[in-house]
N, C-alpha and C. Protein backbone atom coordinates (compact mmCIF):
# COMPACT_ATOMS: atom_id res chain seq x y z
N MET A 1 -15.18 -215.19 60.50
CA MET A 1 -15.64 -214.26 61.33
C MET A 1 -16.32 -213.09 60.99
N VAL A 2 -17.62 -212.84 61.47
CA VAL A 2 -18.30 -211.91 61.11
C VAL A 2 -18.19 -210.65 61.51
N ASP A 3 -17.85 -210.28 62.64
CA ASP A 3 -17.57 -208.94 63.12
C ASP A 3 -16.29 -208.83 63.92
N PRO A 4 -15.25 -208.74 63.44
CA PRO A 4 -13.82 -208.54 64.14
C PRO A 4 -13.86 -207.81 65.41
N VAL A 5 -14.69 -206.27 65.27
CA VAL A 5 -14.61 -205.37 66.25
C VAL A 5 -15.12 -206.22 67.44
N ALA A 6 -16.11 -206.84 67.37
CA ALA A 6 -16.87 -207.53 68.51
C ALA A 6 -15.95 -208.67 68.96
N ASP A 7 -15.21 -209.45 68.26
CA ASP A 7 -14.30 -210.32 68.66
C ASP A 7 -13.20 -209.82 69.50
N MET A 8 -12.67 -208.71 68.83
CA MET A 8 -11.67 -208.06 69.57
C MET A 8 -12.04 -207.32 71.12
N LEU A 9 -13.29 -206.90 71.17
CA LEU A 9 -13.82 -206.35 72.66
C LEU A 9 -13.96 -207.71 73.33
N THR A 10 -14.71 -208.86 72.85
CA THR A 10 -14.81 -210.14 73.83
C THR A 10 -13.39 -210.48 74.33
N ARG A 11 -12.30 -210.60 73.50
CA ARG A 11 -10.99 -211.21 73.75
C ARG A 11 -10.58 -210.23 74.69
N LEU A 12 -10.62 -208.76 74.70
CA LEU A 12 -10.22 -207.88 75.48
C LEU A 12 -10.98 -208.21 77.13
N ARG A 13 -12.15 -208.27 77.01
CA ARG A 13 -13.09 -208.34 78.33
C ARG A 13 -12.57 -209.61 78.96
N ASN A 14 -12.26 -210.73 78.12
CA ASN A 14 -12.25 -212.14 78.78
C ASN A 14 -10.77 -212.10 79.23
N GLY A 15 -9.76 -211.47 78.49
CA GLY A 15 -8.28 -211.48 78.79
C GLY A 15 -8.13 -210.63 79.96
N GLY A 16 -8.88 -209.57 80.20
CA GLY A 16 -8.75 -208.84 81.58
C GLY A 16 -9.24 -209.36 82.65
N ALA A 17 -10.46 -210.19 82.48
CA ALA A 17 -11.08 -210.92 83.69
C ALA A 17 -10.01 -211.95 84.09
N ALA A 18 -9.32 -212.48 83.04
CA ALA A 18 -8.53 -213.60 83.37
C ALA A 18 -7.15 -213.34 83.96
N GLN A 19 -6.99 -211.91 84.04
CA GLN A 19 -5.73 -211.30 84.30
C GLN A 19 -4.52 -211.83 83.28
N LYS A 20 -4.94 -211.85 81.95
CA LYS A 20 -3.68 -212.12 81.03
C LYS A 20 -2.75 -210.87 80.94
N LEU A 21 -1.78 -211.27 80.48
CA LEU A 21 -0.71 -210.20 80.25
C LEU A 21 -0.85 -209.70 78.86
N SER A 22 -1.28 -210.47 78.02
CA SER A 22 -1.47 -210.06 76.47
C SER A 22 -2.75 -210.82 76.00
N VAL A 23 -3.18 -210.23 74.97
CA VAL A 23 -4.30 -210.91 74.18
C VAL A 23 -3.96 -210.85 72.57
N SER A 24 -3.95 -211.92 72.07
CA SER A 24 -3.75 -211.82 70.65
C SER A 24 -4.89 -212.20 69.82
N LEU A 25 -5.05 -211.48 68.45
CA LEU A 25 -6.12 -211.49 67.73
C LEU A 25 -5.59 -211.43 66.20
N PRO A 26 -6.30 -211.65 65.27
CA PRO A 26 -5.96 -211.41 63.76
C PRO A 26 -5.91 -210.11 63.67
N HIS A 27 -4.77 -209.77 62.90
CA HIS A 27 -4.59 -208.37 62.69
C HIS A 27 -5.43 -207.56 61.33
N SER A 28 -5.83 -206.44 61.54
CA SER A 28 -6.49 -205.98 60.45
C SER A 28 -6.09 -204.25 60.93
N ASN A 29 -6.15 -203.47 59.77
CA ASN A 29 -5.86 -201.96 59.96
C ASN A 29 -6.89 -201.18 60.83
N GLN A 30 -8.20 -201.72 60.74
CA GLN A 30 -9.01 -201.03 61.42
C GLN A 30 -8.87 -201.50 63.04
N LEU A 31 -8.35 -202.74 63.34
CA LEU A 31 -8.33 -203.02 64.77
C LEU A 31 -7.07 -202.63 65.32
N GLU A 32 -6.18 -202.18 64.55
CA GLU A 32 -4.75 -201.71 64.99
C GLU A 32 -5.18 -200.25 65.36
N ARG A 33 -5.98 -199.59 64.46
CA ARG A 33 -6.25 -198.11 64.76
C ARG A 33 -7.30 -197.87 66.16
N ILE A 34 -7.93 -199.04 66.43
CA ILE A 34 -8.90 -199.25 67.58
C ILE A 34 -7.93 -199.34 68.63
N ALA A 35 -6.93 -200.27 68.61
CA ALA A 35 -6.09 -200.31 69.54
C ALA A 35 -4.94 -199.22 69.87
N LYS A 36 -4.76 -198.42 68.86
CA LYS A 36 -4.09 -197.19 69.05
C LYS A 36 -4.91 -196.14 69.91
N THR A 37 -5.99 -196.18 69.51
CA THR A 37 -7.00 -195.02 70.22
C THR A 37 -7.15 -195.63 71.84
N LEU A 38 -7.33 -196.97 72.11
CA LEU A 38 -7.47 -197.59 73.43
C LEU A 38 -6.22 -197.31 74.16
N ALA A 39 -5.03 -197.37 73.49
CA ALA A 39 -3.63 -197.07 74.19
C ALA A 39 -3.64 -195.44 74.51
N GLU A 40 -4.00 -194.75 73.57
CA GLU A 40 -3.89 -193.26 73.81
C GLU A 40 -4.92 -192.89 74.99
N ALA A 41 -6.00 -193.49 75.16
CA ALA A 41 -6.95 -193.32 76.24
C ALA A 41 -6.43 -194.04 77.57
N GLU A 42 -5.38 -194.75 77.54
CA GLU A 42 -4.96 -195.64 78.46
C GLU A 42 -5.70 -196.63 78.99
N TYR A 43 -6.67 -197.27 78.33
CA TYR A 43 -7.14 -198.43 78.58
C TYR A 43 -6.53 -199.76 78.42
N ILE A 44 -5.47 -199.75 77.71
CA ILE A 44 -4.38 -200.64 77.40
C ILE A 44 -3.10 -200.09 77.55
N ASP A 45 -2.27 -200.96 77.94
CA ASP A 45 -0.83 -200.70 78.02
C ASP A 45 -0.33 -200.32 76.71
N GLY A 46 -0.46 -201.15 75.93
CA GLY A 46 0.16 -200.95 74.53
C GLY A 46 -0.15 -202.17 73.55
N PHE A 47 0.19 -202.13 72.48
CA PHE A 47 -0.05 -203.05 71.33
C PHE A 47 1.30 -203.38 70.66
N SER A 48 1.31 -204.51 69.89
CA SER A 48 2.42 -204.79 68.91
C SER A 48 1.84 -205.67 67.73
N ILE A 49 2.52 -205.74 66.47
CA ILE A 49 2.12 -206.45 65.54
C ILE A 49 3.17 -207.59 65.47
N GLU A 50 2.55 -208.74 65.55
CA GLU A 50 3.53 -210.01 65.22
C GLU A 50 3.43 -210.44 64.02
N LYS A 51 4.54 -210.48 63.17
CA LYS A 51 4.68 -211.10 62.07
C LYS A 51 4.82 -212.34 62.10
N LEU A 52 3.86 -213.27 61.29
CA LEU A 52 4.19 -214.74 61.24
C LEU A 52 4.36 -215.13 59.88
N GLU A 53 5.07 -216.12 59.79
CA GLU A 53 5.53 -216.55 58.32
C GLU A 53 4.49 -217.65 57.85
N GLY A 54 3.87 -217.42 56.93
CA GLY A 54 2.82 -218.46 56.30
C GLY A 54 1.67 -218.09 56.72
N ALA A 55 1.27 -217.29 57.63
CA ALA A 55 -0.01 -217.18 58.48
C ALA A 55 -0.43 -215.64 58.41
N GLN A 56 -1.30 -215.26 58.91
CA GLN A 56 -2.00 -213.83 59.17
C GLN A 56 -1.28 -213.41 60.12
N ASP A 57 -0.82 -212.21 59.98
CA ASP A 57 -0.30 -211.41 61.13
C ASP A 57 -1.14 -211.19 62.55
N GLN A 58 -0.49 -211.29 63.66
CA GLN A 58 -1.59 -211.13 64.84
C GLN A 58 -1.08 -209.88 65.53
N LEU A 59 -2.25 -209.27 66.05
CA LEU A 59 -2.04 -207.92 66.80
C LEU A 59 -2.20 -208.53 68.27
N VAL A 60 -1.19 -208.18 69.11
CA VAL A 60 -1.10 -208.53 70.31
C VAL A 60 -1.22 -207.21 71.35
N ILE A 61 -2.32 -207.36 72.05
CA ILE A 61 -2.56 -206.15 73.05
C ILE A 61 -2.46 -206.46 74.56
N GLU A 62 -2.05 -205.59 75.11
CA GLU A 62 -1.51 -205.76 76.61
C GLU A 62 -2.58 -204.96 77.66
N PRO A 63 -3.51 -205.66 78.14
CA PRO A 63 -4.43 -205.10 78.97
C PRO A 63 -4.07 -204.29 80.12
N ALA A 64 -4.35 -203.25 80.43
CA ALA A 64 -4.16 -202.38 81.57
C ALA A 64 -4.56 -202.76 83.04
N TYR A 65 -3.97 -202.73 83.87
CA TYR A 65 -4.46 -203.19 85.21
C TYR A 65 -4.53 -201.98 86.12
N HIS A 66 -5.17 -201.82 87.32
CA HIS A 66 -5.09 -200.96 88.19
C HIS A 66 -4.16 -201.51 89.37
N ASP A 67 -3.51 -200.73 90.19
CA ASP A 67 -2.73 -201.33 91.17
C ASP A 67 -3.05 -202.32 91.83
N ASP A 68 -4.17 -202.56 92.36
CA ASP A 68 -4.84 -203.62 93.13
C ASP A 68 -5.19 -204.96 92.14
N GLY A 69 -4.74 -204.81 90.69
CA GLY A 69 -4.99 -205.98 89.86
C GLY A 69 -6.06 -206.04 89.21
N THR A 70 -7.12 -205.04 89.37
CA THR A 70 -8.51 -205.19 88.62
C THR A 70 -8.29 -204.70 87.36
N PRO A 71 -8.93 -205.06 86.32
CA PRO A 71 -8.42 -204.67 84.83
C PRO A 71 -9.18 -203.37 84.60
N GLN A 72 -8.28 -202.31 83.87
CA GLN A 72 -8.81 -201.05 83.58
C GLN A 72 -10.05 -200.97 83.02
N ILE A 73 -10.37 -201.75 82.14
CA ILE A 73 -11.61 -202.05 81.37
C ILE A 73 -12.64 -202.71 82.18
N GLU A 74 -13.54 -202.05 82.57
CA GLU A 74 -14.62 -202.64 83.39
C GLU A 74 -15.82 -203.09 82.46
N HIS A 75 -15.98 -202.13 81.34
CA HIS A 75 -17.21 -202.74 80.47
C HIS A 75 -17.01 -202.19 79.12
N LEU A 76 -17.28 -202.95 78.20
CA LEU A 76 -17.18 -202.78 76.74
C LEU A 76 -18.69 -203.29 76.14
N LYS A 77 -19.30 -202.42 75.40
CA LYS A 77 -20.47 -202.76 74.83
C LYS A 77 -20.46 -202.21 73.29
N ARG A 78 -20.66 -203.13 72.32
CA ARG A 78 -20.63 -202.96 70.85
C ARG A 78 -21.98 -202.16 70.60
N LEU A 79 -22.05 -201.05 70.09
CA LEU A 79 -23.07 -200.21 69.57
C LEU A 79 -23.48 -200.27 68.35
N SER A 80 -22.47 -200.38 67.31
CA SER A 80 -22.79 -200.57 65.87
C SER A 80 -22.59 -201.71 65.51
N ARG A 81 -23.56 -202.38 64.86
CA ARG A 81 -23.06 -204.09 64.57
C ARG A 81 -23.05 -204.13 62.89
N PRO A 82 -22.46 -204.99 62.26
CA PRO A 82 -22.64 -205.28 60.79
C PRO A 82 -24.23 -205.29 60.46
N ALA A 83 -25.07 -205.85 61.08
CA ALA A 83 -26.22 -205.84 60.56
C ALA A 83 -27.09 -204.67 60.77
N ARG A 84 -26.61 -203.79 61.71
CA ARG A 84 -27.31 -202.30 62.03
C ARG A 84 -26.21 -201.36 62.34
N ARG A 85 -25.78 -200.71 61.26
CA ARG A 85 -24.67 -199.65 61.52
C ARG A 85 -25.49 -198.61 62.25
N SER A 86 -24.82 -197.94 63.02
CA SER A 86 -25.33 -196.69 63.88
C SER A 86 -24.11 -195.41 63.59
N TYR A 87 -24.80 -194.39 63.05
CA TYR A 87 -24.00 -193.19 62.62
C TYR A 87 -24.40 -192.15 63.50
N ILE A 88 -23.89 -191.24 64.01
CA ILE A 88 -24.16 -190.06 64.58
C ILE A 88 -23.34 -188.87 64.23
N GLY A 89 -23.85 -187.58 64.29
CA GLY A 89 -23.16 -186.23 63.90
C GLY A 89 -22.51 -185.91 65.46
N VAL A 90 -21.84 -184.88 65.32
CA VAL A 90 -21.12 -184.51 66.22
C VAL A 90 -22.09 -183.88 67.55
N ALA A 91 -23.15 -183.37 67.35
CA ALA A 91 -23.95 -182.93 68.23
C ALA A 91 -24.57 -184.11 69.01
N GLU A 92 -24.68 -185.35 68.37
CA GLU A 92 -25.33 -186.51 69.13
C GLU A 92 -24.23 -187.28 69.78
N ILE A 93 -23.00 -186.95 70.14
CA ILE A 93 -22.16 -187.77 70.43
C ILE A 93 -22.41 -188.07 72.15
N PRO A 94 -22.63 -189.19 72.56
CA PRO A 94 -22.96 -189.26 74.15
C PRO A 94 -21.77 -189.07 75.03
N THR A 95 -22.33 -188.73 76.12
CA THR A 95 -21.32 -188.59 77.29
C THR A 95 -21.56 -189.85 78.09
N VAL A 96 -20.47 -190.81 78.51
CA VAL A 96 -20.53 -191.90 79.09
C VAL A 96 -20.24 -191.83 80.37
N ARG A 97 -21.22 -192.28 81.28
CA ARG A 97 -21.00 -192.24 82.88
C ARG A 97 -20.39 -190.78 83.26
N ASN A 98 -21.09 -190.05 82.98
CA ASN A 98 -20.56 -188.68 83.34
C ASN A 98 -19.17 -188.32 82.98
N GLY A 99 -18.63 -188.76 81.99
CA GLY A 99 -17.30 -188.51 81.49
C GLY A 99 -16.19 -189.42 82.12
N HIS A 100 -16.75 -190.42 82.82
CA HIS A 100 -15.86 -191.32 83.20
C HIS A 100 -15.59 -192.55 82.18
N GLY A 101 -16.22 -192.61 81.22
CA GLY A 101 -16.09 -193.37 80.27
C GLY A 101 -16.01 -192.78 78.86
N ASP A 102 -15.91 -193.53 77.68
CA ASP A 102 -15.76 -193.15 76.52
C ASP A 102 -16.65 -193.79 75.53
N VAL A 103 -16.80 -193.24 74.41
CA VAL A 103 -17.35 -193.92 73.25
C VAL A 103 -16.28 -194.11 72.01
N VAL A 104 -16.06 -194.90 71.39
CA VAL A 104 -15.12 -194.80 70.24
C VAL A 104 -15.83 -194.96 68.89
N LEU A 105 -15.51 -193.78 68.07
CA LEU A 105 -16.23 -193.67 66.81
C LEU A 105 -15.07 -193.87 65.57
N SER A 106 -15.66 -194.29 64.59
CA SER A 106 -14.91 -194.35 63.35
C SER A 106 -15.29 -193.18 62.55
N THR A 107 -14.47 -192.29 62.27
CA THR A 107 -14.75 -190.90 61.52
C THR A 107 -14.05 -190.89 60.50
N PRO A 108 -14.27 -189.79 59.63
CA PRO A 108 -13.32 -189.38 58.29
C PRO A 108 -12.07 -189.04 58.91
N ALA A 109 -11.70 -188.59 60.14
CA ALA A 109 -10.48 -188.30 60.72
C ALA A 109 -9.80 -189.57 61.18
N GLY A 110 -10.57 -190.50 61.31
CA GLY A 110 -9.80 -191.80 61.77
C GLY A 110 -10.60 -192.37 62.97
N VAL A 111 -10.03 -193.24 63.85
CA VAL A 111 -10.72 -193.78 64.98
C VAL A 111 -10.57 -192.74 66.27
N LEU A 112 -11.59 -192.37 66.64
CA LEU A 112 -11.43 -191.33 67.71
C LEU A 112 -12.23 -191.55 68.86
N THR A 113 -12.02 -191.11 70.07
CA THR A 113 -12.56 -191.24 71.30
C THR A 113 -13.89 -190.21 70.83
N GLY A 114 -15.07 -190.22 71.85
CA GLY A 114 -15.89 -189.10 71.73
C GLY A 114 -15.39 -187.67 71.94
N ASP A 115 -14.77 -187.76 72.94
CA ASP A 115 -14.20 -186.43 73.36
C ASP A 115 -13.15 -185.86 72.07
N LYS A 116 -12.28 -186.47 71.62
CA LYS A 116 -11.72 -186.06 70.37
C LYS A 116 -12.55 -185.85 69.21
N ALA A 117 -13.50 -186.66 68.94
CA ALA A 117 -14.27 -186.20 67.91
C ALA A 117 -14.98 -185.03 67.95
N ARG A 118 -15.52 -184.74 69.21
CA ARG A 118 -16.07 -183.40 69.66
C ARG A 118 -15.28 -182.09 69.14
N GLN A 119 -14.02 -182.47 69.64
CA GLN A 119 -13.00 -181.25 69.62
C GLN A 119 -12.72 -181.14 68.03
N GLN A 120 -12.58 -182.08 67.17
CA GLN A 120 -12.38 -182.12 65.84
C GLN A 120 -13.54 -181.71 65.18
N HIS A 121 -14.62 -181.79 65.65
CA HIS A 121 -16.10 -181.43 65.38
C HIS A 121 -16.22 -182.40 63.90
N VAL A 122 -16.12 -183.80 64.31
CA VAL A 122 -16.70 -184.88 63.10
C VAL A 122 -17.48 -185.85 64.09
N GLY A 123 -18.25 -186.40 63.33
CA GLY A 123 -19.12 -187.48 63.64
C GLY A 123 -18.86 -188.82 62.98
N GLY A 124 -19.45 -189.97 62.90
CA GLY A 124 -19.25 -191.00 62.47
C GLY A 124 -19.89 -192.23 62.73
N GLU A 125 -19.30 -193.31 62.54
CA GLU A 125 -20.09 -194.60 63.22
C GLU A 125 -19.57 -194.68 64.48
N ILE A 126 -20.64 -195.03 65.45
CA ILE A 126 -20.32 -195.12 66.87
C ILE A 126 -19.96 -196.87 67.05
N LEU A 127 -18.97 -196.98 67.21
CA LEU A 127 -18.42 -198.42 67.28
C LEU A 127 -18.61 -199.24 68.61
N PHE A 128 -18.15 -198.39 69.86
CA PHE A 128 -18.51 -199.21 71.15
C PHE A 128 -18.29 -198.05 72.33
N GLU A 129 -18.93 -198.56 73.32
CA GLU A 129 -18.51 -197.80 74.60
C GLU A 129 -17.60 -198.60 75.48
N ILE A 130 -16.96 -197.78 76.35
CA ILE A 130 -15.91 -198.42 77.27
C ILE A 130 -16.01 -197.53 78.47
N TRP A 131 -15.75 -198.22 79.75
CA TRP A 131 -15.26 -197.79 80.91
C TRP A 131 -14.81 -198.71 81.95
């Protein structure tokens, strides 16, 4: 797998569209930090790490849904890719859909949403946008 973050976003998008209760993917520390950030921003209901004997651990994510059954995540777009990394300063952090969406950044302070990165006054690699 070349881009595990893009794979995670695709699995979340497809899992939500298929009304899945959970989505499973290979575990990594970066994906776990992204899942934690998405849970804090209430785009997912939660996540857990499934320890497998003799195989790579799995990150199990529970997508969030509205009361009418539509997925909480309507849009996911990868902005920085392995072939073309995109870094921004704190002054360049975009506002997504007039505040109804978020960008997720990998910063020296950890993986943060755009609002939290502005509050902590840090920039970094802009990973993806979500709404």
